[in-house]
Amino acid sequence: MTRKRTFKKKGKEQVEQEVSYYITSLGDNVKEAPRAIRNHWAIETSQHWLLDVTFREDESQIYTEDGAKNMALFRRALLNLIKAHPLKDSVAGKMMRAGWDSQFRAEILFGQKPTKV
């Protein structure tokens, strides 16, 4: 597969081209292959990029096998809870607000506004 990327650098349009090779069970279905590849990279750019940028996952100092796996699990679970909250804001914005507001943090963690006793 040949990929082309067009971008501007210092006001000038530049084009990068890259050839990638894939092994697939799709056979001769040339129309299905690009869609499958795009779907694969959509996961990378949505979830993994978000984890890297918002949670700074790449900067983690946890190196033990179980610790790293456990923290990755917690981050993904928290990301899902944050995304499920109905407030229209970015993940980073919701995280910042949750750090400031304990009631908002409870809404994210428990899914509803806590009732006062």
PDB file of N, CA and C in Angstrom:
ATOM      1  N   MET A   1       0.850  -1.160   0.000  1.00  0.00           N
ATOM      2  CA  MET A   1       0.000   0.000   0.000  1.00  0.00           C
ATOM      3  C   MET A   1       0.895   1.221   0.000  1.00  0.00           C
ATOM      4  N   THR A   2       0.578   2.178  -0.824  1.00  0.00           N
ATOM      5  CA  THR A   2       1.302   3.439  -0.867  1.00  0.00           C
ATOM      6  C   THR A   2       0.440   4.500  -0.193  1.00  0.00           C
ATOM      7  N   ARG A   3       1.031   5.203   0.777  1.00  0.00           N
ATOM      8  CA  ARG A   3       0.322   6.258   1.494  1.00  0.00           C
ATOM      9  C   ARG A   3       0.960   7.587   1.155  1.00  0.00           C
ATOM     10  N   LYS A   4       0.113   8.587   0.966  1.00  0.00           N
ATOM     11  CA  LYS A   4       0.578   9.950   0.722  1.00  0.00           C
ATOM     12  C   LYS A   4       0.038  10.844   1.816  1.00  0.00           C
ATOM     13  N   ARG A   5       0.882  11.758   2.276  1.00  0.00           N
ATOM     14  CA  ARG A   5       0.474  12.717   3.294  1.00  0.00           C
ATOM     15  C   ARG A   5       0.894  14.100   2.820  1.00  0.00           C
ATOM     16  N   THR A   6      -0.064  15.011   2.773  1.00  0.00           N
ATOM     17  CA  THR A   6       0.213  16.388   2.367  1.00  0.00           C
ATOM     18  C   THR A   6       0.083  17.277   3.594  1.00  0.00           C
ATOM     19  N   PHE A   7       1.081  18.125   3.831  1.00  0.00           N
ATOM     20  CA  PHE A   7       1.052  19.013   4.984  1.00  0.00           C
ATOM     21  C   PHE A   7       1.816  20.285   4.649  1.00  0.00           C
ATOM     22  N   LYS A   8       1.598  21.310   5.473  1.00  0.00           N
ATOM     23  CA  LYS A   8       2.299  22.574   5.274  1.00  0.00           C
ATOM     24  C   LYS A   8       3.380  22.713   6.329  1.00  0.00           C
ATOM     25  N   LYS A   9       4.563  23.117   5.876  1.00  0.00           N
ATOM     26  CA  LYS A   9       5.683  23.356   6.772  1.00  0.00           C
ATOM     27  C   LYS A   9       6.320  24.672   6.355  1.00  0.00           C
ATOM     28  N   LYS A  10       6.331  25.597   7.286  1.00  0.00           N
ATOM     29  CA  LYS A  10       6.859  26.947   7.020  1.00  0.00           C
ATOM     30  C   LYS A  10       6.169  27.573   5.815  1.00  0.00           C
ATOM     31  N   GLY A  11       4.848  27.368   5.721  1.00  0.00           N
ATOM     32  CA  GLY A  11       4.053  27.982   4.664  1.00  0.00           C
ATOM     33  C   GLY A  11       4.111  27.279   3.319  1.00  0.00           C
ATOM     34  N   LYS A  12       4.950  26.266   3.187  1.00  0.00           N
ATOM     35  CA  LYS A  12       5.066  25.543   1.921  1.00  0.00           C
ATOM     36  C   LYS A  12       4.404  24.179   2.032  1.00  0.00           C
ATOM     37  N   GLU A  13       3.680  23.810   0.995  1.00  0.00           N
ATOM     38  CA  GLU A  13       3.036  22.502   0.970  1.00  0.00           C
ATOM     39  C   GLU A  13       4.061  21.428   0.639  1.00  0.00           C
ATOM     40  N   GLN A  14       4.075  20.380   1.453  1.00  0.00           N
ATOM     41  CA  GLN A  14       4.993  19.271   1.239  1.00  0.00           C
ATOM     42  C   GLN A  14       4.223  17.968   1.177  1.00  0.00           C
ATOM     43  N   VAL A  15       4.776  17.018   0.461  1.00  0.00           N
ATOM     44  CA  VAL A  15       4.148  15.713   0.316  1.00  0.00           C
ATOM     45  C   VAL A  15       5.139  14.642   0.750  1.00  0.00           C
ATOM     46  N   GLU A  16       4.677  13.758   1.609  1.00  0.00           N
ATOM     47  CA  GLU A  16       5.470  12.592   1.997  1.00  0.00           C
ATOM     48  C   GLU A  16       4.780  11.361   1.442  1.00  0.00           C
ATOM     49  N   GLN A  17       5.564  10.427   0.989  1.00  0.00           N
ATOM     50  CA  GLN A  17       5.018   9.185   0.460  1.00  0.00           C
ATOM     51  C   GLN A  17       5.735   8.026   1.122  1.00  0.00           C
ATOM     52  N   GLU A  18       4.952   6.985   1.460  1.00  0.00           N
ATOM     53  CA  GLU A  18       5.506   5.847   2.176  1.00  0.00           C
ATOM     54  C   GLU A  18       4.848   4.573   1.658  1.00  0.00           C
ATOM     55  N   VAL A  19       5.634   3.534   1.526  1.00  0.00           N
ATOM     56  CA  VAL A  19       5.106   2.239   1.107  1.00  0.00           C
ATOM     57  C   VAL A  19       5.085   1.324   2.331  1.00  0.00           C
ATOM     58  N   SER A  20       3.928   0.712   2.574  1.00  0.00           N
ATOM     59  CA  SER A  20       3.768  -0.228   3.683  1.00  0.00           C
ATOM     60  C   SER A  20       3.302  -1.561   3.127  1.00  0.00           C
ATOM     61  N   TYR A  21       3.746  -2.617   3.762  1.00  0.00           N
ATOM     62  CA  TYR A  21       3.370  -3.956   3.340  1.00  0.00           C
ATOM     63  C   TYR A  21       2.527  -4.609   4.428  1.00  0.00           C
ATOM     64  N   TYR A  22       1.473  -5.291   4.031  1.00  0.00           N
ATOM     65  CA  TYR A  22       0.557  -5.929   4.972  1.00  0.00           C
ATOM     66  C   TYR A  22       0.323  -7.374   4.561  1.00  0.00           C
ATOM     67  N   ILE A  23       0.127  -8.206   5.544  1.00  0.00           N
ATOM     68  CA  ILE A  23      -0.286  -9.588   5.305  1.00  0.00           C
ATOM     69  C   ILE A  23      -1.743  -9.660   5.728  1.00  0.00           C
ATOM     70  N   THR A  24      -2.591 -10.173   4.849  1.00  0.00           N
ATOM     71  CA  THR A  24      -4.017 -10.182   5.126  1.00  0.00           C
ATOM     72  C   THR A  24      -4.668 -11.459   4.626  1.00  0.00           C
ATOM     73  N   SER A  25      -5.830 -11.740   5.180  1.00  0.00           N
ATOM     74  CA  SER A  25      -6.622 -12.880   4.722  1.00  0.00           C
ATOM     75  C   SER A  25      -7.748 -12.424   3.802  1.00  0.00           C
ATOM     76  N   LEU A  26      -7.712 -11.179   3.356  1.00  0.00           N
ATOM     77  CA  LEU A  26      -8.777 -10.628   2.512  1.00  0.00           C
ATOM     78  C   LEU A  26      -8.708 -11.123   1.074  1.00  0.00           C
ATOM     79  N   GLY A  27      -7.625 -11.736   0.690  1.00  0.00           N
ATOM     80  CA  GLY A  27      -7.498 -12.236  -0.676  1.00  0.00           C
ATOM     81  C   GLY A  27      -7.333 -11.106  -1.678  1.00  0.00           C
ATOM     82  N   ASP A  28      -8.099 -11.169  -2.768  1.00  0.00           N
ATOM     83  CA  ASP A  28      -7.985 -10.176  -3.845  1.00  0.00           C
ATOM     84  C   ASP A  28      -8.897  -8.971  -3.652  1.00  0.00           C
ATOM     85  N   ASN A  29      -9.507  -8.841  -2.510  1.00  0.00           N
ATOM     86  CA  ASN A  29     -10.455  -7.760  -2.275  1.00  0.00           C
ATOM     87  C   ASN A  29      -9.711  -6.447  -2.028  1.00  0.00           C
ATOM     88  N   VAL A  30      -9.344  -5.772  -3.115  1.00  0.00           N
ATOM     89  CA  VAL A  30      -8.528  -4.562  -3.004  1.00  0.00           C
ATOM     90  C   VAL A  30      -9.313  -3.376  -2.451  1.00  0.00           C
ATOM     91  N   LYS A  31     -10.623  -3.402  -2.545  1.00  0.00           N
ATOM     92  CA  LYS A  31     -11.425  -2.301  -1.993  1.00  0.00           C
ATOM     93  C   LYS A  31     -11.578  -2.424  -0.479  1.00  0.00           C
ATOM     94  N   GLU A  32     -11.527  -3.627   0.042  1.00  0.00           N
ATOM     95  CA  GLU A  32     -11.700  -3.855   1.477  1.00  0.00           C
ATOM     96  C   GLU A  32     -10.419  -3.578   2.253  1.00  0.00           C
ATOM     97  N   ALA A  33      -9.270  -3.804   1.670  1.00  0.00           N
ATOM     98  CA  ALA A  33      -7.985  -3.651   2.369  1.00  0.00           C
ATOM     99  C   ALA A  33      -7.757  -2.236   2.893  1.00  0.00           C
ATOM    100  N   PRO A  34      -7.930  -1.179   2.095  1.00  0.00           N
ATOM    101  CA  PRO A  34      -7.697   0.166   2.642  1.00  0.00           C
ATOM    102  C   PRO A  34      -8.633   0.504   3.805  1.00  0.00           C
ATOM    103  N   ARG A  35      -9.886   0.034   3.720  1.00  0.00           N
ATOM    104  CA  ARG A  35     -10.833   0.291   4.802  1.00  0.00           C
ATOM    105  C   ARG A  35     -10.380  -0.407   6.084  1.00  0.00           C
ATOM    106  N   ALA A  36      -9.935  -1.636   5.967  1.00  0.00           N
ATOM    107  CA  ALA A  36      -9.465  -2.377   7.134  1.00  0.00           C
ATOM    108  C   ALA A  36      -8.230  -1.712   7.749  1.00  0.00           C
ATOM    109  N   ILE A  37      -7.345  -1.226   6.908  1.00  0.00           N
ATOM    110  CA  ILE A  37      -6.130  -0.553   7.398  1.00  0.00           C
ATOM    111  C   ILE A  37      -6.498   0.749   8.104  1.00  0.00           C
ATOM    112  N   ARG A  38      -7.397   1.531   7.500  1.00  0.00           N
ATOM    113  CA  ARG A  38      -7.832   2.787   8.129  1.00  0.00           C
ATOM    114  C   ARG A  38      -8.510   2.518   9.471  1.00  0.00           C
ATOM    115  N   ASN A  39      -9.333   1.475   9.547  1.00  0.00           N
ATOM    116  CA  ASN A  39      -9.983   1.134  10.817  1.00  0.00           C
ATOM    117  C   ASN A  39      -8.961   0.758  11.879  1.00  0.00           C
ATOM    118  N   HIS A  40      -7.930   0.043  11.474  1.00  0.00           N
ATOM    119  CA  HIS A  40      -6.880  -0.326  12.424  1.00  0.00           C
ATOM    120  C   HIS A  40      -6.202   0.927  12.977  1.00  0.00           C
ATOM    121  N   TRP A  41      -5.829   1.854  12.102  1.00  0.00           N
ATOM    122  CA  TRP A  41      -5.117   3.052  12.545  1.00  0.00           C
ATOM    123  C   TRP A  41      -6.035   4.029  13.254  1.00  0.00           C
ATOM    124  N   ALA A  42      -7.348   3.937  13.037  1.00  0.00           N
ATOM    125  CA  ALA A  42      -8.291   4.794  13.761  1.00  0.00           C
ATOM    126  C   ALA A  42      -8.216   4.498  15.256  1.00  0.00           C
ATOM    127  N   ILE A  43      -8.025   3.235  15.608  1.00  0.00           N
ATOM    128  CA  ILE A  43      -7.880   2.863  17.016  1.00  0.00           C
ATOM    129  C   ILE A  43      -6.604   3.482  17.577  1.00  0.00           C
ATOM    130  N   GLU A  44      -5.525   3.381  16.820  1.00  0.00           N
ATOM    131  CA  GLU A  44      -4.248   3.944  17.267  1.00  0.00           C
ATOM    132  C   GLU A  44      -4.368   5.437  17.507  1.00  0.00           C
ATOM    133  N   THR A  45      -4.968   6.136  16.561  1.00  0.00           N
ATOM    134  CA  THR A  45      -5.027   7.591  16.686  1.00  0.00           C
ATOM    135  C   THR A  45      -6.060   8.055  17.690  1.00  0.00           C
ATOM    136  N   SER A  46      -7.092   7.272  17.945  1.00  0.00           N
ATOM    137  CA  SER A  46      -8.093   7.730  18.907  1.00  0.00           C
ATOM    138  C   SER A  46      -7.730   7.336  20.326  1.00  0.00           C
ATOM    139  N   GLN A  47      -7.598   6.063  20.597  1.00  0.00           N
ATOM    140  CA  GLN A  47      -7.385   5.635  21.976  1.00  0.00           C
ATOM    141  C   GLN A  47      -5.935   5.763  22.415  1.00  0.00           C
ATOM    142  N   HIS A  48      -4.992   5.203  21.680  1.00  0.00           N
ATOM    143  CA  HIS A  48      -3.602   5.204  22.123  1.00  0.00           C
ATOM    144  C   HIS A  48      -3.020   6.613  22.147  1.00  0.00           C
ATOM    145  N   TRP A  49      -3.350   7.419  21.150  1.00  0.00           N
ATOM    146  CA  TRP A  49      -2.853   8.793  21.145  1.00  0.00           C
ATOM    147  C   TRP A  49      -3.412   9.550  22.337  1.00  0.00           C
ATOM    148  N   LEU A  50      -4.697   9.361  22.611  1.00  0.00           N
ATOM    149  CA  LEU A  50      -5.329  10.034  23.742  1.00  0.00           C
ATOM    150  C   LEU A  50      -4.690   9.610  25.058  1.00  0.00           C
ATOM    151  N   LEU A  51      -4.404   8.324  25.193  1.00  0.00           N
ATOM    152  CA  LEU A  51      -3.739   7.845  26.408  1.00  0.00           C
ATOM    153  C   LEU A  51      -2.341   8.432  26.535  1.00  0.00           C
ATOM    154  N   ASP A  52      -1.623   8.528  25.433  1.00  0.00           N
ATOM    155  CA  ASP A  52      -0.267   9.084  25.461  1.00  0.00           C
ATOM    156  C   ASP A  52      -0.286  10.564  25.832  1.00  0.00           C
ATOM    157  N   VAL A  53      -1.190  11.314  25.233  1.00  0.00           N
ATOM    158  CA  VAL A  53      -1.200  12.757  25.438  1.00  0.00           C
ATOM    159  C   VAL A  53      -1.861  13.141  26.759  1.00  0.00           C
ATOM    160  N   THR A  54      -3.049  12.613  27.029  1.00  0.00           N
ATOM    161  CA  THR A  54      -3.800  13.031  28.201  1.00  0.00           C
ATOM    162  C   THR A  54      -3.274  12.418  29.487  1.00  0.00           C
ATOM    163  N   PHE A  55      -2.979  11.125  29.449  1.00  0.00           N
ATOM    164  CA  PHE A  55      -2.509  10.444  30.648  1.00  0.00           C
ATOM    165  C   PHE A  55      -0.985  10.347  30.704  1.00  0.00           C
ATOM    166  N   ARG A  56      -0.308  10.837  29.672  1.00  0.00           N
ATOM    167  CA  ARG A  56       1.158  10.786  29.584  1.00  0.00           C
ATOM    168  C   ARG A  56       1.671   9.356  29.805  1.00  0.00           C
ATOM    169  N   GLU A  57       0.991   8.431  29.154  1.00  0.00           N
ATOM    170  CA  GLU A  57       1.300   7.015  29.355  1.00  0.00           C
ATOM    171  C   GLU A  57       2.738   6.677  28.968  1.00  0.00           C
ATOM    172  N   ASP A  58       3.264   7.312  27.934  1.00  0.00           N
ATOM    173  CA  ASP A  58       4.637   7.024  27.512  1.00  0.00           C
ATOM    174  C   ASP A  58       5.674   7.487  28.525  1.00  0.00           C
ATOM    175  N   GLU A  59       5.300   8.436  29.385  1.00  0.00           N
ATOM    176  CA  GLU A  59       6.235   8.955  30.382  1.00  0.00           C
ATOM    177  C   GLU A  59       6.168   8.196  31.703  1.00  0.00           C
ATOM    178  N   SER A  60       5.347   7.174  31.763  1.00  0.00           N
ATOM    179  CA  SER A  60       5.160   6.423  33.009  1.00  0.00           C
ATOM    180  C   SER A  60       6.478   5.814  33.474  1.00  0.00           C
ATOM    181  N   GLN A  61       6.713   5.896  34.770  1.00  0.00           N
ATOM    182  CA  GLN A  61       7.930   5.334  35.373  1.00  0.00           C
ATOM    183  C   GLN A  61       7.681   3.944  35.956  1.00  0.00           C
ATOM    184  N   ILE A  62       6.498   3.387  35.701  1.00  0.00           N
ATOM    185  CA  ILE A  62       6.156   2.063  36.216  1.00  0.00           C
ATOM    186  C   ILE A  62       6.672   1.038  35.217  1.00  0.00           C
ATOM    187  N   TYR A  63       7.659   0.256  35.637  1.00  0.00           N
ATOM    188  CA  TYR A  63       8.309  -0.670  34.719  1.00  0.00           C
ATOM    189  C   TYR A  63       8.012  -2.139  35.015  1.00  0.00           C
ATOM    190  N   THR A  64       7.613  -2.452  36.247  1.00  0.00           N
ATOM    191  CA  THR A  64       7.346  -3.863  36.547  1.00  0.00           C
ATOM    192  C   THR A  64       6.163  -4.330  35.718  1.00  0.00           C
ATOM    193  N   GLU A  65       6.218  -5.570  35.288  1.00  0.00           N
ATOM    194  CA  GLU A  65       5.225  -6.090  34.349  1.00  0.00           C
ATOM    195  C   GLU A  65       3.798  -5.938  34.871  1.00  0.00           C
ATOM    196  N   ASP A  66       3.529  -6.397  36.085  1.00  0.00           N
ATOM    197  CA  ASP A  66       2.169  -6.323  36.617  1.00  0.00           C
ATOM    198  C   ASP A  66       1.736  -4.884  36.875  1.00  0.00           C
ATOM    199  N   GLY A  67       2.638  -4.065  37.374  1.00  0.00           N
ATOM    200  CA  GLY A  67       2.302  -2.666  37.645  1.00  0.00           C
ATOM    201  C   GLY A  67       1.936  -1.922  36.379  1.00  0.00           C
ATOM    202  N   ALA A  68       2.704  -2.104  35.334  1.00  0.00           N
ATOM    203  CA  ALA A  68       2.427  -1.432  34.069  1.00  0.00           C
ATOM    204  C   ALA A  68       1.098  -1.907  33.475  1.00  0.00           C
ATOM    205  N   LYS A  69       0.841  -3.215  33.540  1.00  0.00           N
ATOM    206  CA  LYS A  69      -0.424  -3.752  33.023  1.00  0.00           C
ATOM    207  C   LYS A  69      -1.607  -3.238  33.834  1.00  0.00           C
ATOM    208  N   ASN A  70      -1.455  -3.204  35.152  1.00  0.00           N
ATOM    209  CA  ASN A  70      -2.545  -2.723  36.003  1.00  0.00           C
ATOM    210  C   ASN A  70      -2.846  -1.252  35.746  1.00  0.00           C
ATOM    211  N   MET A  71      -1.810  -0.433  35.633  1.00  0.00           N
ATOM    212  CA  MET A  71      -2.032   0.997  35.378  1.00  0.00           C
ATOM    213  C   MET A  71      -2.653   1.217  34.002  1.00  0.00           C
ATOM    214  N   ALA A  72      -2.251   0.438  33.010  1.00  0.00           N
ATOM    215  CA  ALA A  72      -2.855   0.550  31.683  1.00  0.00           C
ATOM    216  C   ALA A  72      -4.342   0.214  31.751  1.00  0.00           C
ATOM    217  N   LEU A  73      -4.687  -0.794  32.526  1.00  0.00           N
ATOM    218  CA  LEU A  73      -6.089  -1.170  32.713  1.00  0.00           C
ATOM    219  C   LEU A  73      -6.864  -0.034  33.377  1.00  0.00           C
ATOM    220  N   PHE A  74      -6.319   0.547  34.446  1.00  0.00           N
ATOM    221  CA  PHE A  74      -6.985   1.659  35.130  1.00  0.00           C
ATOM    222  C   PHE A  74      -7.152   2.861  34.200  1.00  0.00           C
ATOM    223  N   ARG A  75      -6.126   3.178  33.434  1.00  0.00           N
ATOM    224  CA  ARG A  75      -6.219   4.321  32.519  1.00  0.00           C
ATOM    225  C   ARG A  75      -7.316   4.116  31.480  1.00  0.00           C
ATOM    226  N   ARG A  76      -7.394   2.921  30.915  1.00  0.00           N
ATOM    227  CA  ARG A  76      -8.416   2.644  29.899  1.00  0.00           C
ATOM    228  C   ARG A  76      -9.817   2.670  30.503  1.00  0.00           C
ATOM    229  N   ALA A  77      -9.956   2.133  31.705  1.00  0.00           N
ATOM    230  CA  ALA A  77     -11.259   2.161  32.380  1.00  0.00           C
ATOM    231  C   ALA A  77     -11.666   3.605  32.673  1.00  0.00           C
ATOM    232  N   LEU A  78     -10.732   4.403  33.169  1.00  0.00           N
ATOM    233  CA  LEU A  78     -11.024   5.801  33.455  1.00  0.00           C
ATOM    234  C   LEU A  78     -11.341   6.571  32.178  1.00  0.00           C
ATOM    235  N   LEU A  79     -10.613   6.305  31.122  1.00  0.00           N
ATOM    236  CA  LEU A  79     -10.892   6.956  29.840  1.00  0.00           C
ATOM    237  C   LEU A  79     -12.323   6.661  29.389  1.00  0.00           C
ATOM    238  N   ASN A  80     -12.760   5.416  29.524  1.00  0.00           N
ATOM    239  CA  ASN A  80     -14.131   5.058  29.154  1.00  0.00           C
ATOM    240  C   ASN A  80     -15.155   5.776  30.025  1.00  0.00           C
ATOM    241  N   LEU A  81     -14.894   5.889  31.330  1.00  0.00           N
ATOM    242  CA  LEU A  81     -15.810   6.606  32.226  1.00  0.00           C
ATOM    243  C   LEU A  81     -15.886   8.085  31.865  1.00  0.00           C
ATOM    244  N   ILE A  82     -14.736   8.676  31.570  1.00  0.00           N
ATOM    245  CA  ILE A  82     -14.704  10.102  31.206  1.00  0.00           C
ATOM    246  C   ILE A  82     -15.462  10.335  29.909  1.00  0.00           C
ATOM    247  N   LYS A  83     -15.240   9.487  28.917  1.00  0.00           N
ATOM    248  CA  LYS A  83     -15.935   9.638  27.636  1.00  0.00           C
ATOM    249  C   LYS A  83     -17.441   9.441  27.779  1.00  0.00           C
ATOM    250  N   ALA A  84     -17.862   8.590  28.714  1.00  0.00           N
ATOM    251  CA  ALA A  84     -19.286   8.307  28.899  1.00  0.00           C
ATOM    252  C   ALA A  84     -20.027   9.453  29.575  1.00  0.00           C
ATOM    253  N   HIS A  85     -19.314  10.344  30.265  1.00  0.00           N
ATOM    254  CA  HIS A  85     -19.977  11.460  30.942  1.00  0.00           C
ATOM    255  C   HIS A  85     -20.572  12.391  29.887  1.00  0.00           C
ATOM    256  N   PRO A  86     -21.822  12.834  30.090  1.00  0.00           N
ATOM    257  CA  PRO A  86     -22.513  13.607  29.048  1.00  0.00           C
ATOM    258  C   PRO A  86     -22.015  15.038  28.828  1.00  0.00           C
ATOM    259  N   LEU A  87     -21.206  15.579  29.704  1.00  0.00           N
ATOM    260  CA  LEU A  87     -20.716  16.940  29.523  1.00  0.00           C
ATOM    261  C   LEU A  87     -19.949  17.061  28.215  1.00  0.00           C
ATOM    262  N   LYS A  88     -20.249  18.085  27.449  1.00  0.00           N
ATOM    263  CA  LYS A  88     -19.554  18.319  26.177  1.00  0.00           C
ATOM    264  C   LYS A  88     -18.260  19.078  26.462  1.00  0.00           C
ATOM    265  N   ASP A  89     -17.190  18.327  26.616  1.00  0.00           N
ATOM    266  CA  ASP A  89     -15.869  18.893  26.869  1.00  0.00           C
ATOM    267  C   ASP A  89     -14.847  17.848  26.461  1.00  0.00           C
ATOM    268  N   SER A  90     -13.613  18.258  26.336  1.00  0.00           N
ATOM    269  CA  SER A  90     -12.554  17.312  25.981  1.00  0.00           C
ATOM    270  C   SER A  90     -12.249  16.415  27.176  1.00  0.00           C
ATOM    271  N   VAL A  91     -11.544  15.336  26.913  1.00  0.00           N
ATOM    272  CA  VAL A  91     -11.131  14.440  27.993  1.00  0.00           C
ATOM    273  C   VAL A  91     -10.236  15.193  28.967  1.00  0.00           C
ATOM    274  N   ALA A  92      -9.312  15.982  28.450  1.00  0.00           N
ATOM    275  CA  ALA A  92      -8.418  16.754  29.315  1.00  0.00           C
ATOM    276  C   ALA A  92      -9.202  17.759  30.152  1.00  0.00           C
ATOM    277  N   GLY A  93     -10.199  18.405  29.545  1.00  0.00           N
ATOM    278  CA  GLY A  93     -11.035  19.360  30.271  1.00  0.00           C
ATOM    279  C   GLY A  93     -11.825  18.692  31.381  1.00  0.00           C
ATOM    280  N   LYS A  94     -12.374  17.519  31.097  1.00  0.00           N
ATOM    281  CA  LYS A  94     -13.119  16.786  32.122  1.00  0.00           C
ATOM    282  C   LYS A  94     -12.191  16.334  33.249  1.00  0.00           C
ATOM    283  N   MET A  95     -10.972  15.912  32.903  1.00  0.00           N
ATOM    284  CA  MET A  95     -10.020  15.495  33.932  1.00  0.00           C
ATOM    285  C   MET A  95      -9.648  16.667  34.830  1.00  0.00           C
ATOM    286  N   MET A  96      -9.442  17.830  34.232  1.00  0.00           N
ATOM    287  CA  MET A  96      -9.085  19.006  35.012  1.00  0.00           C
ATOM    288  C   MET A  96     -10.232  19.388  35.949  1.00  0.00           C
ATOM    289  N   ARG A  97     -11.448  19.370  35.412  1.00  0.00           N
ATOM    290  CA  ARG A  97     -12.610  19.706  36.226  1.00  0.00           C
ATOM    291  C   ARG A  97     -12.790  18.703  37.363  1.00  0.00           C
ATOM    292  N   ALA A  98     -12.565  17.412  37.088  1.00  0.00           N
ATOM    293  CA  ALA A  98     -12.687  16.382  38.123  1.00  0.00           C
ATOM    294  C   ALA A  98     -11.655  16.590  39.234  1.00  0.00           C
ATOM    295  N   GLY A  99     -10.498  17.126  38.889  1.00  0.00           N
ATOM    296  CA  GLY A  99      -9.481  17.422  39.895  1.00  0.00           C
ATOM    297  C   GLY A  99      -9.878  18.573  40.803  1.00  0.00           C
ATOM    298  N   TRP A 100     -10.687  19.491  40.289  1.00  0.00           N
ATOM    299  CA  TRP A 100     -11.114  20.653  41.062  1.00  0.00           C
ATOM    300  C   TRP A 100     -12.413  20.415  41.835  1.00  0.00           C
ATOM    301  N   ASP A 101     -13.294  19.602  41.285  1.00  0.00           N
ATOM    302  CA  ASP A 101     -14.665  19.485  41.794  1.00  0.00           C
ATOM    303  C   ASP A 101     -14.959  18.044  42.193  1.00  0.00           C
ATOM    304  N   SER A 102     -15.089  17.802  43.491  1.00  0.00           N
ATOM    305  CA  SER A 102     -15.304  16.432  43.967  1.00  0.00           C
ATOM    306  C   SER A 102     -16.660  15.881  43.528  1.00  0.00           C
ATOM    307  N   GLN A 103     -17.663  16.737  43.380  1.00  0.00           N
ATOM    308  CA  GLN A 103     -18.972  16.256  42.926  1.00  0.00           C
ATOM    309  C   GLN A 103     -18.905  15.811  41.466  1.00  0.00           C
ATOM    310  N   PHE A 104     -18.203  16.578  40.637  1.00  0.00           N
ATOM    311  CA  PHE A 104     -18.029  16.186  39.233  1.00  0.00           C
ATOM    312  C   PHE A 104     -17.235  14.889  39.142  1.00  0.00           C
ATOM    313  N   ARG A 105     -16.205  14.757  39.978  1.00  0.00           N
ATOM    314  CA  ARG A 105     -15.401  13.530  40.007  1.00  0.00           C
ATOM    315  C   ARG A 105     -16.283  12.331  40.362  1.00  0.00           C
ATOM    316  N   ALA A 106     -17.209  12.508  41.318  1.00  0.00           N
ATOM    317  CA  ALA A 106     -18.129  11.431  41.698  1.00  0.00           C
ATOM    318  C   ALA A 106     -19.069  11.090  40.541  1.00  0.00           C
ATOM    319  N   GLU A 107     -19.496  12.113  39.788  1.00  0.00           N
ATOM    320  CA  GLU A 107     -20.349  11.866  38.621  1.00  0.00           C
ATOM    321  C   GLU A 107     -19.632  10.986  37.603  1.00  0.00           C
ATOM    322  N   ILE A 108     -18.366  11.256  37.378  1.00  0.00           N
ATOM    323  CA  ILE A 108     -17.598  10.450  36.422  1.00  0.00           C
ATOM    324  C   ILE A 108     -17.418   9.026  36.941  1.00  0.00           C
ATOM    325  N   LEU A 109     -17.038   8.895  38.198  1.00  0.00           N
ATOM    326  CA  LEU A 109     -16.728   7.573  38.740  1.00  0.00           C
ATOM    327  C   LEU A 109     -17.961   6.709  38.979  1.00  0.00           C
ATOM    328  N   PHE A 110     -19.068   7.343  39.383  1.00  0.00           N
ATOM    329  CA  PHE A 110     -20.246   6.566  39.779  1.00  0.00           C
ATOM    330  C   PHE A 110     -21.416   6.720  38.818  1.00  0.00           C
ATOM    331  N   GLY A 111     -21.289   7.577  37.823  1.00  0.00           N
ATOM    332  CA  GLY A 111     -22.286   7.659  36.764  1.00  0.00           C
ATOM    333  C   GLY A 111     -23.503   8.512  37.041  1.00  0.00           C
ATOM    334  N   GLN A 112     -23.612   9.094  38.214  1.00  0.00           N
ATOM    335  CA  GLN A 112     -24.757   9.955  38.484  1.00  0.00           C
ATOM    336  C   GLN A 112     -24.383  10.942  39.575  1.00  0.00           C
ATOM    337  N   LYS A 113     -25.216  11.952  39.731  1.00  0.00           N
ATOM    338  CA  LYS A 113     -24.974  12.906  40.786  1.00  0.00           C
ATOM    339  C   LYS A 113     -25.265  12.242  42.128  1.00  0.00           C
ATOM    340  N   PRO A 114     -24.342  12.349  43.081  1.00  0.00           N
ATOM    341  CA  PRO A 114     -24.597  11.728  44.376  1.00  0.00           C
ATOM    342  C   PRO A 114     -25.720  12.454  45.111  1.00  0.00           C
ATOM    343  N   THR A 115     -26.540  11.705  45.804  1.00  0.00           N
ATOM    344  CA  THR A 115     -27.628  12.313  46.568  1.00  0.00           C
ATOM    345  C   THR A 115     -27.094  12.728  47.923  1.00  0.00           C
ATOM    346  N   LYS A 116     -27.564  13.882  48.370  1.00  0.00           N
ATOM    347  CA  LYS A 116     -27.115  14.378  49.683  1.00  0.00           C
ATOM    348  C   LYS A 116     -28.013  13.791  50.763  1.00  0.00           C
ATOM    349  N   VAL A 117     -27.405  13.403  51.854  1.00  0.00           N
ATOM    350  CA  VAL A 117     -28.143  12.783  52.963  1.00  0.00           C
ATOM    351  C   VAL A 117     -28.456  13.811  54.003  1.00  0.00           C
TER     352      VAL A 117
END
